[in-house]
Amino acid sequence: MSSMDDVDANACVSCDTTSETYLGIQGDEDWHIRVLGTLGLPWDDAYDWVNEEIDSGRHEITSGGRFTVVYPLCPECATRVSGYPAPALWDDDEPVPIIGQP
């Protein structure tokens, strides 16, 4: 995949299957790319996704360059990496788990 426009908005960022679960990433551009890469997204695609999110203007970027994006991620792909929180169903009453940059 070369563009977020090429996939369903609910497609897992790693395997492209429909996902009703999500995981947030909070950090700078490199942090987002590293986390998406470790979850199985090819590095070039991770770079493209993150830069499209930055260019979209939908996210507040701090002076340190950090921002938060909630990505669709299926539970199967989330289990590939130990130590990451399990993705959660999108629920306005409960926060989506976030992997924050140290």
N, C-alpha and C. Protein backbone atom coordinates (compact mmCIF):
# COMPACT_ATOMS: atom_id res chain seq x y z
N MET A 1 0.85 -1.17 0.00
CA MET A 1 0.00 0.00 0.00
C MET A 1 0.89 1.22 0.00
N SER A 2 0.54 2.19 -0.78
CA SER A 2 1.38 3.38 -0.85
C SER A 2 0.70 4.61 -0.29
N SER A 3 -0.58 4.50 -0.02
CA SER A 3 -1.30 5.67 0.46
C SER A 3 -2.46 5.25 1.34
N MET A 4 -2.75 6.07 2.34
CA MET A 4 -3.90 5.81 3.17
C MET A 4 -5.17 5.89 2.35
N ASP A 5 -5.15 6.62 1.25
CA ASP A 5 -6.33 6.73 0.39
C ASP A 5 -6.63 5.41 -0.32
N ASP A 6 -5.64 4.51 -0.36
CA ASP A 6 -5.80 3.25 -1.08
C ASP A 6 -6.49 2.18 -0.25
N VAL A 7 -6.70 2.42 1.04
CA VAL A 7 -7.25 1.38 1.91
C VAL A 7 -8.49 1.87 2.63
N ASP A 8 -9.26 0.91 3.12
CA ASP A 8 -10.43 1.20 3.93
C ASP A 8 -9.96 1.87 5.22
N ALA A 9 -10.70 2.86 5.70
CA ALA A 9 -10.33 3.57 6.92
C ALA A 9 -10.30 2.65 8.12
N ASN A 10 -10.98 1.50 8.04
CA ASN A 10 -10.99 0.55 9.14
C ASN A 10 -10.09 -0.65 8.88
N ALA A 11 -9.20 -0.54 7.91
CA ALA A 11 -8.29 -1.64 7.60
C ALA A 11 -7.09 -1.59 8.53
N CYS A 12 -6.73 -2.73 9.09
CA CYS A 12 -5.56 -2.83 9.96
C CYS A 12 -4.34 -2.27 9.23
N VAL A 13 -3.57 -1.43 9.90
CA VAL A 13 -2.41 -0.83 9.27
C VAL A 13 -1.35 -1.86 8.91
N SER A 14 -1.40 -3.03 9.52
CA SER A 14 -0.39 -4.04 9.27
C SER A 14 -0.79 -5.05 8.21
N CYS A 15 -2.03 -5.58 8.28
CA CYS A 15 -2.40 -6.67 7.37
C CYS A 15 -3.54 -6.33 6.42
N ASP A 16 -4.12 -5.16 6.54
CA ASP A 16 -5.21 -4.68 5.67
C ASP A 16 -6.56 -5.37 5.88
N THR A 17 -6.69 -6.24 6.87
CA THR A 17 -8.00 -6.83 7.13
C THR A 17 -8.86 -5.81 7.88
N THR A 18 -10.15 -5.95 7.76
CA THR A 18 -11.05 -5.03 8.46
C THR A 18 -10.85 -5.19 9.95
N SER A 19 -10.74 -4.06 10.64
CA SER A 19 -10.49 -4.08 12.08
C SER A 19 -11.45 -3.13 12.78
N GLU A 20 -11.98 -3.61 13.89
CA GLU A 20 -12.82 -2.74 14.72
C GLU A 20 -12.08 -2.33 15.98
N THR A 21 -10.79 -2.62 16.02
CA THR A 21 -9.97 -2.25 17.17
C THR A 21 -8.88 -1.28 16.73
N TYR A 22 -8.43 -0.48 17.70
CA TYR A 22 -7.51 0.62 17.39
C TYR A 22 -6.43 0.72 18.45
N LEU A 23 -5.31 1.29 18.05
CA LEU A 23 -4.22 1.55 18.97
C LEU A 23 -3.66 2.93 18.65
N GLY A 24 -3.45 3.72 19.67
CA GLY A 24 -2.90 5.06 19.47
C GLY A 24 -1.39 5.05 19.61
N ILE A 25 -0.76 5.95 18.89
CA ILE A 25 0.68 6.16 19.01
C ILE A 25 0.89 7.64 19.27
N GLN A 26 1.70 7.94 20.28
CA GLN A 26 1.99 9.33 20.64
C GLN A 26 3.50 9.51 20.67
N GLY A 27 3.98 10.42 19.85
CA GLY A 27 5.42 10.67 19.79
C GLY A 27 5.75 11.46 18.55
N ASP A 28 7.04 11.54 18.25
CA ASP A 28 7.45 12.27 17.05
C ASP A 28 7.35 11.36 15.82
N GLU A 29 7.68 11.93 14.67
CA GLU A 29 7.56 11.20 13.41
C GLU A 29 8.31 9.87 13.44
N ASP A 30 9.56 9.89 13.90
CA ASP A 30 10.36 8.67 13.93
C ASP A 30 9.74 7.61 14.84
N TRP A 31 9.17 8.04 15.96
CA TRP A 31 8.54 7.10 16.89
C TRP A 31 7.36 6.40 16.22
N HIS A 32 6.51 7.16 15.54
CA HIS A 32 5.36 6.56 14.85
C HIS A 32 5.85 5.54 13.83
N ILE A 33 6.86 5.89 13.06
CA ILE A 33 7.38 4.99 12.03
C ILE A 33 7.94 3.72 12.65
N ARG A 34 8.70 3.87 13.74
CA ARG A 34 9.28 2.69 14.40
C ARG A 34 8.20 1.76 14.94
N VAL A 35 7.19 2.32 15.60
CA VAL A 35 6.13 1.47 16.17
C VAL A 35 5.37 0.77 15.04
N LEU A 36 4.98 1.51 14.01
CA LEU A 36 4.25 0.87 12.90
C LEU A 36 5.11 -0.20 12.23
N GLY A 37 6.40 0.06 12.10
CA GLY A 37 7.30 -0.93 11.51
C GLY A 37 7.40 -2.19 12.34
N THR A 38 7.47 -2.05 13.65
CA THR A 38 7.56 -3.24 14.50
C THR A 38 6.25 -4.01 14.52
N LEU A 39 5.15 -3.35 14.18
CA LEU A 39 3.86 -4.03 14.11
C LEU A 39 3.65 -4.73 12.76
N GLY A 40 4.63 -4.62 11.87
CA GLY A 40 4.57 -5.36 10.62
C GLY A 40 4.35 -4.53 9.36
N LEU A 41 4.15 -3.24 9.50
CA LEU A 41 3.99 -2.40 8.32
C LEU A 41 5.36 -2.19 7.69
N PRO A 42 5.52 -2.40 6.38
CA PRO A 42 6.82 -2.15 5.75
C PRO A 42 7.27 -0.71 6.03
N TRP A 43 8.57 -0.54 6.23
CA TRP A 43 9.12 0.76 6.64
C TRP A 43 8.74 1.89 5.69
N ASP A 44 8.78 1.64 4.39
CA ASP A 44 8.41 2.70 3.43
C ASP A 44 6.95 3.08 3.57
N ASP A 45 6.08 2.09 3.80
CA ASP A 45 4.66 2.37 3.99
C ASP A 45 4.43 3.10 5.31
N ALA A 46 5.15 2.71 6.35
CA ALA A 46 5.02 3.40 7.64
C ALA A 46 5.40 4.86 7.48
N TYR A 47 6.49 5.13 6.78
CA TYR A 47 6.91 6.51 6.53
C TYR A 47 5.82 7.28 5.78
N ASP A 48 5.24 6.66 4.74
CA ASP A 48 4.20 7.32 3.96
C ASP A 48 2.97 7.61 4.81
N TRP A 49 2.53 6.63 5.61
CA TRP A 49 1.33 6.82 6.45
C TRP A 49 1.55 7.96 7.42
N VAL A 50 2.69 7.95 8.10
CA VAL A 50 2.94 8.97 9.11
C VAL A 50 3.02 10.35 8.47
N ASN A 51 3.67 10.46 7.35
CA ASN A 51 3.76 11.76 6.70
C ASN A 51 2.43 12.25 6.16
N GLU A 52 1.57 11.33 5.72
CA GLU A 52 0.22 11.74 5.32
C GLU A 52 -0.56 12.25 6.52
N GLU A 53 -0.38 11.60 7.68
CA GLU A 53 -1.05 12.08 8.89
C GLU A 53 -0.55 13.47 9.27
N ILE A 54 0.74 13.69 9.19
CA ILE A 54 1.31 15.01 9.51
C ILE A 54 0.77 16.06 8.54
N ASP A 55 0.81 15.74 7.26
CA ASP A 55 0.38 16.69 6.23
C ASP A 55 -1.11 16.96 6.25
N SER A 56 -1.90 16.06 6.86
CA SER A 56 -3.35 16.22 6.87
C SER A 56 -3.81 17.42 7.69
N GLY A 57 -3.00 17.83 8.64
CA GLY A 57 -3.37 18.95 9.50
C GLY A 57 -4.41 18.59 10.55
N ARG A 58 -4.74 17.30 10.69
CA ARG A 58 -5.75 16.88 11.66
C ARG A 58 -5.21 16.75 13.07
N HIS A 59 -3.91 16.82 13.24
CA HIS A 59 -3.31 16.53 14.53
C HIS A 59 -2.54 17.75 15.05
N GLU A 60 -2.71 18.00 16.34
CA GLU A 60 -1.94 19.07 16.97
C GLU A 60 -0.53 18.55 17.20
N ILE A 61 0.43 19.27 16.68
CA ILE A 61 1.83 18.87 16.84
C ILE A 61 2.47 19.82 17.84
N THR A 62 3.06 19.25 18.89
CA THR A 62 3.67 20.07 19.93
C THR A 62 4.97 20.69 19.42
N SER A 63 5.51 21.61 20.19
CA SER A 63 6.77 22.25 19.80
C SER A 63 7.90 21.23 19.72
N GLY A 64 7.77 20.12 20.44
CA GLY A 64 8.76 19.04 20.37
C GLY A 64 8.53 18.09 19.22
N GLY A 65 7.52 18.35 18.39
CA GLY A 65 7.25 17.52 17.23
C GLY A 65 6.42 16.28 17.51
N ARG A 66 5.85 16.20 18.71
CA ARG A 66 5.05 15.02 19.07
C ARG A 66 3.58 15.23 18.73
N PHE A 67 2.93 14.14 18.35
CA PHE A 67 1.51 14.16 18.02
C PHE A 67 0.94 12.78 18.27
N THR A 68 -0.38 12.69 18.31
CA THR A 68 -1.06 11.42 18.58
C THR A 68 -1.95 11.06 17.39
N VAL A 69 -1.88 9.81 16.98
CA VAL A 69 -2.74 9.28 15.92
C VAL A 69 -3.27 7.94 16.41
N VAL A 70 -4.55 7.69 16.18
CA VAL A 70 -5.16 6.41 16.49
C VAL A 70 -5.28 5.63 15.18
N TYR A 71 -4.61 4.48 15.14
CA TYR A 71 -4.57 3.66 13.93
C TYR A 71 -5.42 2.41 14.12
N PRO A 72 -6.11 1.95 13.06
CA PRO A 72 -6.79 0.66 13.15
C PRO A 72 -5.73 -0.45 13.19
N LEU A 73 -5.90 -1.37 14.13
CA LEU A 73 -4.95 -2.47 14.29
C LEU A 73 -5.70 -3.68 14.81
N CYS A 74 -5.63 -4.79 14.09
CA CYS A 74 -6.34 -5.98 14.52
C CYS A 74 -5.59 -6.65 15.68
N PRO A 75 -6.31 -7.38 16.52
CA PRO A 75 -5.67 -8.05 17.67
C PRO A 75 -4.57 -9.03 17.26
N GLU A 76 -4.74 -9.70 16.13
CA GLU A 76 -3.73 -10.66 15.68
C GLU A 76 -2.39 -9.98 15.40
N CYS A 77 -2.43 -8.85 14.74
CA CYS A 77 -1.18 -8.13 14.44
C CYS A 77 -0.58 -7.52 15.70
N ALA A 78 -1.41 -7.12 16.62
CA ALA A 78 -0.90 -6.54 17.87
C ALA A 78 -0.13 -7.56 18.69
N THR A 79 -0.47 -8.83 18.56
CA THR A 79 0.22 -9.85 19.35
C THR A 79 1.61 -10.17 18.82
N ARG A 80 1.97 -9.64 17.67
CA ARG A 80 3.30 -9.89 17.11
C ARG A 80 4.42 -9.32 17.97
N VAL A 81 4.10 -8.30 18.73
CA VAL A 81 5.13 -7.62 19.51
C VAL A 81 4.73 -7.66 20.97
N SER A 82 5.56 -8.25 21.81
CA SER A 82 5.24 -8.29 23.23
C SER A 82 5.54 -6.93 23.84
N GLY A 83 4.79 -6.61 24.87
CA GLY A 83 5.01 -5.35 25.56
C GLY A 83 4.12 -4.22 25.09
N TYR A 84 3.45 -4.40 23.97
CA TYR A 84 2.52 -3.37 23.50
C TYR A 84 1.15 -3.66 24.07
N PRO A 85 0.38 -2.63 24.37
CA PRO A 85 -0.98 -2.88 24.86
C PRO A 85 -1.84 -3.46 23.74
N ALA A 86 -2.85 -4.21 24.15
CA ALA A 86 -3.78 -4.76 23.17
C ALA A 86 -4.62 -3.63 22.59
N PRO A 87 -4.93 -3.67 21.30
CA PRO A 87 -5.81 -2.65 20.75
C PRO A 87 -7.19 -2.78 21.36
N ALA A 88 -7.97 -1.73 21.29
CA ALA A 88 -9.30 -1.73 21.90
C ALA A 88 -10.34 -1.27 20.91
N LEU A 89 -11.57 -1.68 21.17
CA LEU A 89 -12.69 -1.18 20.37
C LEU A 89 -12.80 0.32 20.57
N TRP A 90 -13.17 1.02 19.53
CA TRP A 90 -13.36 2.47 19.63
C TRP A 90 -14.61 2.72 20.45
N ASP A 91 -14.47 3.45 21.52
CA ASP A 91 -15.57 3.71 22.43
C ASP A 91 -15.37 5.11 22.99
N ASP A 92 -16.36 5.96 22.80
CA ASP A 92 -16.23 7.34 23.27
C ASP A 92 -16.10 7.44 24.79
N ASP A 93 -16.55 6.39 25.49
CA ASP A 93 -16.49 6.41 26.95
C ASP A 93 -15.17 5.87 27.51
N GLU A 94 -14.43 5.16 26.70
CA GLU A 94 -13.17 4.56 27.14
C GLU A 94 -12.05 5.01 26.20
N PRO A 95 -10.90 5.33 26.76
CA PRO A 95 -9.79 5.74 25.89
C PRO A 95 -9.19 4.55 25.14
N VAL A 96 -8.69 4.82 23.97
CA VAL A 96 -7.96 3.81 23.19
C VAL A 96 -6.57 3.73 23.80
N PRO A 97 -5.99 2.53 23.94
CA PRO A 97 -4.64 2.43 24.48
C PRO A 97 -3.65 3.18 23.58
N ILE A 98 -2.67 3.80 24.20
CA ILE A 98 -1.69 4.60 23.47
C ILE A 98 -0.28 4.15 23.82
N ILE A 99 0.53 3.98 22.79
CA ILE A 99 1.96 3.70 22.97
C ILE A 99 2.65 5.06 22.91
N GLY A 100 3.17 5.50 24.04
CA GLY A 100 3.82 6.81 24.10
C GLY A 100 5.33 6.71 23.98
N GLN A 101 5.89 7.70 23.37
CA GLN A 101 7.35 7.78 23.24
C GLN A 101 7.95 8.10 24.60
N PRO A 102 8.96 7.35 25.00
CA PRO A 102 9.59 7.63 26.31
C PRO A 102 10.26 9.00 26.33
